């Protein structure tokens, strides 16, 4: 019945609208018409069908809710969020406490202060080796008169007058005296300008004059050069020139 009433209602509405339009047009033209009756009749039918549709229409049944899933389907719990998936906030960084030790007071030295020698104390003479050990030294053979046989050895120290002046006389004496143990026949100190010293093996007596740098031996006078003789004075620690 609901379908019947809805169909009649549909066509009744169409007839009502159409009849209404025709009625309006005829009135405008001042002509008589039955459209008004038709419109009223169609409207009444439409109302009756609307009421009948409302009475006979039964709303469709609501879809039943789906039955609850079986215990095996619904009991599966959602996977728990593992500890690895959880965002673990790192613990707040802590600044390590640094215990700075307080500086220890320097221990007072118990050693007695080093005594500084007074100017009146006489300083020890410098060691001879510290002053003359770096002097170049050459050993030369002593040949017989024919020059065919070696009969000994003499030593030649090479230096300059300027450097020799920086060496104390006592240091030179001790150095020459120490060389006596090498059994040299004699020692010459040459200055590179044709002059030099001729030294006896004990270092006590020395002579100054012209000397042959290759052959060595006793000094001789030369142009503007006189032979001068010196001996060492142990009390003053210096070489003293002998008077002729």
Protein backbone atom coordinates (compact mmCIF):
# COMPACT_ATOMS: atom_id res chain seq x y z
CA UNK A 1 0.00 0.00 0.00
CA UNK A 2 2.78 2.38 0.70
CA UNK A 3 3.98 2.00 -2.86
CA UNK A 4 0.45 2.67 -4.21
CA UNK A 5 -0.03 5.78 -2.13
CA UNK A 6 3.45 7.06 -3.07
CA UNK A 7 2.71 6.57 -6.78
CA UNK A 8 -0.71 8.30 -6.62
CA UNK A 9 0.91 11.05 -4.53
CA UNK A 10 3.51 11.60 -7.21
CA UNK A 11 1.02 11.87 -10.06
CA UNK A 12 -1.40 13.90 -7.92
CA UNK A 13 1.29 16.47 -7.32
CA UNK A 14 2.02 16.67 -11.03
CA UNK A 15 -1.68 17.13 -11.89
CA UNK A 16 -2.06 19.72 -9.16
CA UNK A 17 0.84 21.74 -10.48
CA UNK A 18 -0.29 21.46 -14.10
CA UNK A 19 -3.90 22.36 -13.29
CA UNK A 20 -2.75 25.30 -11.24
CA UNK A 21 -0.70 26.62 -14.13
CA UNK A 22 -3.63 26.25 -16.57
CA UNK A 23 -5.97 27.95 -14.13
CA UNK A 24 -3.68 30.92 -13.77
CA UNK A 25 -3.30 31.26 -17.51
CA UNK A 26 -7.08 31.11 -18.11
CA UNK A 27 -7.76 33.71 -15.48
CA UNK A 28 -5.24 35.99 -17.07
CA UNK A 29 -7.09 35.60 -20.33
CA UNK A 30 -10.43 35.95 -18.56
CA UNK A 31 -11.68 32.68 -19.73
CA UNK A 32 -13.73 30.11 -17.88
CA UNK A 33 -12.11 26.77 -17.19
CA UNK A 34 -12.36 23.63 -15.16
CA UNK A 35 -8.77 23.73 -14.26
CA UNK A 36 -9.55 25.06 -10.83
CA UNK A 37 -11.71 22.10 -9.97
CA UNK A 38 -9.13 19.72 -11.35
CA UNK A 39 -6.39 21.42 -9.30
CA UNK A 40 -8.49 21.21 -6.13
CA UNK A 41 -9.39 17.59 -6.74
CA UNK A 42 -5.77 16.68 -7.47
CA UNK A 43 -4.64 18.50 -4.33
CA UNK A 44 -7.17 16.63 -2.20
CA UNK A 45 -6.05 13.34 -3.70
CA UNK A 46 -2.42 14.24 -3.04
CA UNK A 47 -3.15 15.05 0.59
CA UNK A 48 -5.08 11.84 1.05
CA UNK A 49 -2.26 9.84 -0.56
CA UNK A 50 0.31 11.61 1.59
CA UNK A 51 -1.61 10.72 4.73
CA UNK A 52 -2.15 7.17 3.50
CA UNK A 53 1.53 6.83 2.69
CA UNK A 54 2.44 8.01 6.14
CA UNK A 55 0.11 5.51 7.76
CA UNK A 56 0.99 2.52 5.64
CA UNK A 57 4.69 3.16 5.32
CA UNK A 58 6.79 1.09 7.70
CA UNK A 59 10.37 2.07 8.03
CA UNK A 60 12.82 -0.61 6.99
CA UNK A 61 14.35 -2.55 9.78
CA UNK A 62 17.63 -1.28 10.98
CA UNK A 63 20.49 -3.55 10.14
CA UNK A 64 21.36 -5.60 13.08
CA UNK A 65 24.67 -5.02 14.63
CA UNK A 66 27.14 -7.69 13.65
CA UNK A 67 27.41 -10.40 16.22
CA UNK A 68 30.33 -10.02 18.48
CA UNK A 69 33.35 -11.78 17.24
CA UNK A 70 34.33 -15.03 18.80
CA UNK A 71 36.58 -15.06 21.73
CA UNK A 72 39.38 -16.30 19.55
CA UNK A 73 39.03 -13.30 17.22
CA UNK A 74 38.43 -10.60 19.79
CA UNK A 75 40.68 -11.86 22.49
CA UNK A 76 43.78 -11.20 20.54
CA UNK A 77 45.16 -8.20 22.30
CA UNK A 78 46.88 -5.45 20.43
CA UNK A 79 50.57 -5.91 20.45
CA UNK A 80 51.92 -4.19 23.44
CA UNK A 81 54.36 -1.50 22.73
CA UNK A 82 57.74 -3.00 23.35
CA UNK A 83 60.33 -1.34 25.44
CA UNK A 84 62.47 -0.99 22.32
CA UNK A 85 59.70 0.98 20.53
CA UNK A 86 59.13 3.32 23.40
CA UNK A 87 61.11 6.48 23.18
CA UNK A 88 63.50 6.39 26.02
CA UNK A 89 64.62 9.81 27.03
CA UNK A 90 68.31 9.85 27.89
CA UNK A 91 69.07 10.71 31.45
CA UNK A 92 70.08 14.30 31.91
CA UNK A 93 73.78 14.80 31.49
CA UNK A 94 75.57 15.49 34.69
CA UNK A 95 78.80 17.37 34.86
CA UNK A 96 81.38 15.34 36.77
CA UNK A 97 82.65 17.05 39.81
CA UNK A 98 86.37 17.73 39.54
CA UNK A 99 88.13 18.14 42.81
CA UNK A 100 91.06 20.41 42.14
CA UNK A 101 93.67 19.83 44.81
CA UNK A 102 94.86 22.94 46.45
CA UNK A 103 98.50 23.72 45.67
CA UNK A 104 100.73 22.54 48.39
CA UNK A 105 103.05 24.97 49.95
CA UNK A 106 106.61 24.30 48.89
CA UNK A 107 108.50 22.53 51.56
CA UNK A 108 111.11 24.64 53.14
CA UNK A 109 114.53 23.39 52.32
CA UNK A 110 116.47 22.25 55.32
CA UNK A 111 119.77 22.24 53.44
CA UNK A 112 122.17 24.90 54.44
CA UNK A 113 122.66 27.68 51.88
CA UNK A 114 125.67 27.35 49.68
CA UNK A 115 128.39 29.59 50.86
CA UNK A 116 129.55 32.06 48.26
CA UNK A 117 133.28 32.59 48.34
CA UNK A 118 134.24 36.07 49.32
CA UNK A 119 136.25 38.20 46.91
CA UNK A 120 139.20 37.90 49.24
CA UNK A 121 139.39 34.14 48.71
CA UNK A 122 141.85 33.16 46.00
CA UNK A 123 140.18 31.18 43.18
CA UNK A 124 141.82 27.92 42.15
CA UNK A 125 143.83 28.18 38.94
CA UNK A 126 142.09 26.80 35.86
CA UNK A 127 142.88 23.24 34.89
CA UNK A 128 145.41 23.14 32.10
CA UNK A 129 143.48 20.66 29.98
CA UNK A 130 140.42 22.95 29.93
CA UNK A 131 142.44 25.66 28.20
CA UNK A 132 144.99 23.91 25.99
CA UNK A 133 143.50 20.47 25.26
CA UNK A 134 141.88 21.79 22.07
CA UNK A 135 145.13 23.07 20.67
CA UNK A 136 146.07 21.12 17.53
CA UNK A 137 149.04 18.85 18.23
CA UNK A 138 151.19 16.99 15.74
CA UNK A 139 153.82 14.35 16.40
CA UNK A 140 156.88 14.49 14.16
CA UNK A 141 159.84 12.06 13.91
CA UNK A 142 163.37 12.99 14.94
CA UNK A 143 165.79 11.66 12.28
CA UNK A 144 169.50 11.02 12.45
CA UNK A 145 171.96 13.34 10.73
CA UNK A 146 171.76 11.40 7.48
CA UNK A 147 167.96 11.37 7.62
CA UNK A 148 167.84 7.62 7.22
CA UNK A 149 166.83 6.49 10.68
CA UNK A 150 164.25 7.67 13.19
CA UNK A 151 165.80 8.26 16.58
CA UNK A 152 162.94 9.94 18.46
CA UNK A 153 159.74 12.04 18.37
CA UNK A 154 159.06 15.70 18.85
CA UNK A 155 155.64 17.41 19.29
CA UNK A 156 154.31 20.51 17.61
CA UNK A 157 151.47 22.60 19.10
CA UNK A 158 149.77 24.92 16.61
CA UNK A 159 148.16 28.13 17.90
CA UNK A 160 148.39 31.92 17.64
CA UNK A 161 149.96 34.55 19.82
CA UNK A 162 146.52 36.04 20.52
CA UNK A 163 145.12 32.76 21.83
CA UNK A 164 148.25 31.97 23.83
CA UNK A 165 147.85 35.29 25.65
CA UNK A 166 144.45 34.09 26.97
CA UNK A 167 146.06 31.06 28.61
CA UNK A 168 147.57 31.67 32.06
CA UNK A 169 151.25 30.90 32.34
CA UNK A 170 150.57 28.33 35.05
CA UNK A 171 148.17 26.40 32.75
CA UNK A 172 150.73 26.36 29.95
CA UNK A 173 153.44 25.20 32.32
CA UNK A 174 151.30 22.37 33.73
CA UNK A 175 150.35 21.26 30.23
CA UNK A 176 153.98 21.16 29.06
CA UNK A 177 154.99 19.38 32.26
CA UNK A 178 152.27 16.73 31.66
CA UNK A 179 153.55 16.18 28.12
CA UNK A 180 156.94 15.19 29.52
CA UNK A 181 155.51 11.78 30.24
CA UNK A 182 155.20 11.08 26.50
CA UNK A 183 159.00 10.99 26.17
CA UNK A 184 159.14 13.65 23.46
CA UNK A 185 162.61 14.90 22.64
CA UNK A 186 161.27 18.46 22.67
CA UNK A 187 158.10 20.48 22.05
CA UNK A 188 157.64 23.44 19.75
CA UNK A 189 154.74 25.89 19.87
CA UNK A 190 154.37 27.57 16.46
CA UNK A 191 152.37 30.74 15.77
CA UNK A 192 152.10 30.49 11.98
CA UNK A 193 154.24 33.60 11.32
CA UNK A 194 157.64 31.88 11.44
CA UNK A 195 158.07 32.39 15.17
CA UNK A 196 157.37 30.10 18.08
CA UNK A 197 158.55 28.60 21.35
CA UNK A 198 161.11 25.92 22.05
CA UNK A 199 160.25 24.06 25.26
CA UNK A 200 162.35 21.75 27.35
CA UNK A 201 160.55 18.63 28.44
CA UNK A 202 159.87 19.71 32.00
CA UNK A 203 158.21 22.94 30.77
CA UNK A 204 160.32 24.97 33.15
CA UNK A 205 162.45 26.70 30.48
CA UNK A 206 161.17 28.05 27.15
CA UNK A 207 162.77 30.07 24.38
CA UNK A 208 161.13 32.46 21.93
CA UNK A 209 162.44 33.15 18.43
CA UNK A 210 162.24 31.97 14.82
CA UNK A 211 161.46 28.26 14.43
CA UNK A 212 161.28 25.92 11.46
CA UNK A 213 157.69 24.62 11.45
CA UNK A 214 158.69 21.45 9.56
CA UNK A 215 161.91 20.50 11.33
CA UNK A 216 161.33 22.14 14.72
CA UNK A 217 164.12 22.31 17.24
CA UNK A 218 165.82 25.24 18.93
CA UNK A 219 164.83 28.77 17.95
CA UNK A 220 167.09 31.18 16.15
CA UNK A 221 167.15 34.95 15.70
CA UNK A 222 165.66 36.43 12.52
CA UNK A 223 164.81 39.73 10.90
CA UNK A 224 163.66 41.91 13.80
CA UNK A 225 163.31 38.86 16.02
CA UNK A 226 165.66 38.28 18.93
CA UNK A 227 165.86 35.10 20.92
CA UNK A 228 164.34 35.53 24.36
CA UNK A 229 164.63 33.14 27.32
CA UNK A 230 162.02 32.53 30.04
CA UNK A 231 161.74 30.40 33.18
CA UNK A 232 158.67 29.58 35.20
CA UNK A 233 158.34 31.08 38.68
CA UNK A 234 156.25 28.78 40.86
CA UNK A 235 155.63 31.52 43.46
CA UNK A 236 154.06 33.99 41.04
CA UNK A 237 152.79 31.35 38.59
CA UNK A 238 154.19 33.23 35.60
CA UNK A 239 157.03 32.96 33.12
CA UNK A 240 159.77 35.47 33.85
CA UNK A 241 162.15 36.62 31.13
CA UNK A 242 165.80 36.01 31.89
CA UNK A 243 168.28 38.83 31.52
CA UNK A 244 171.21 38.20 29.24
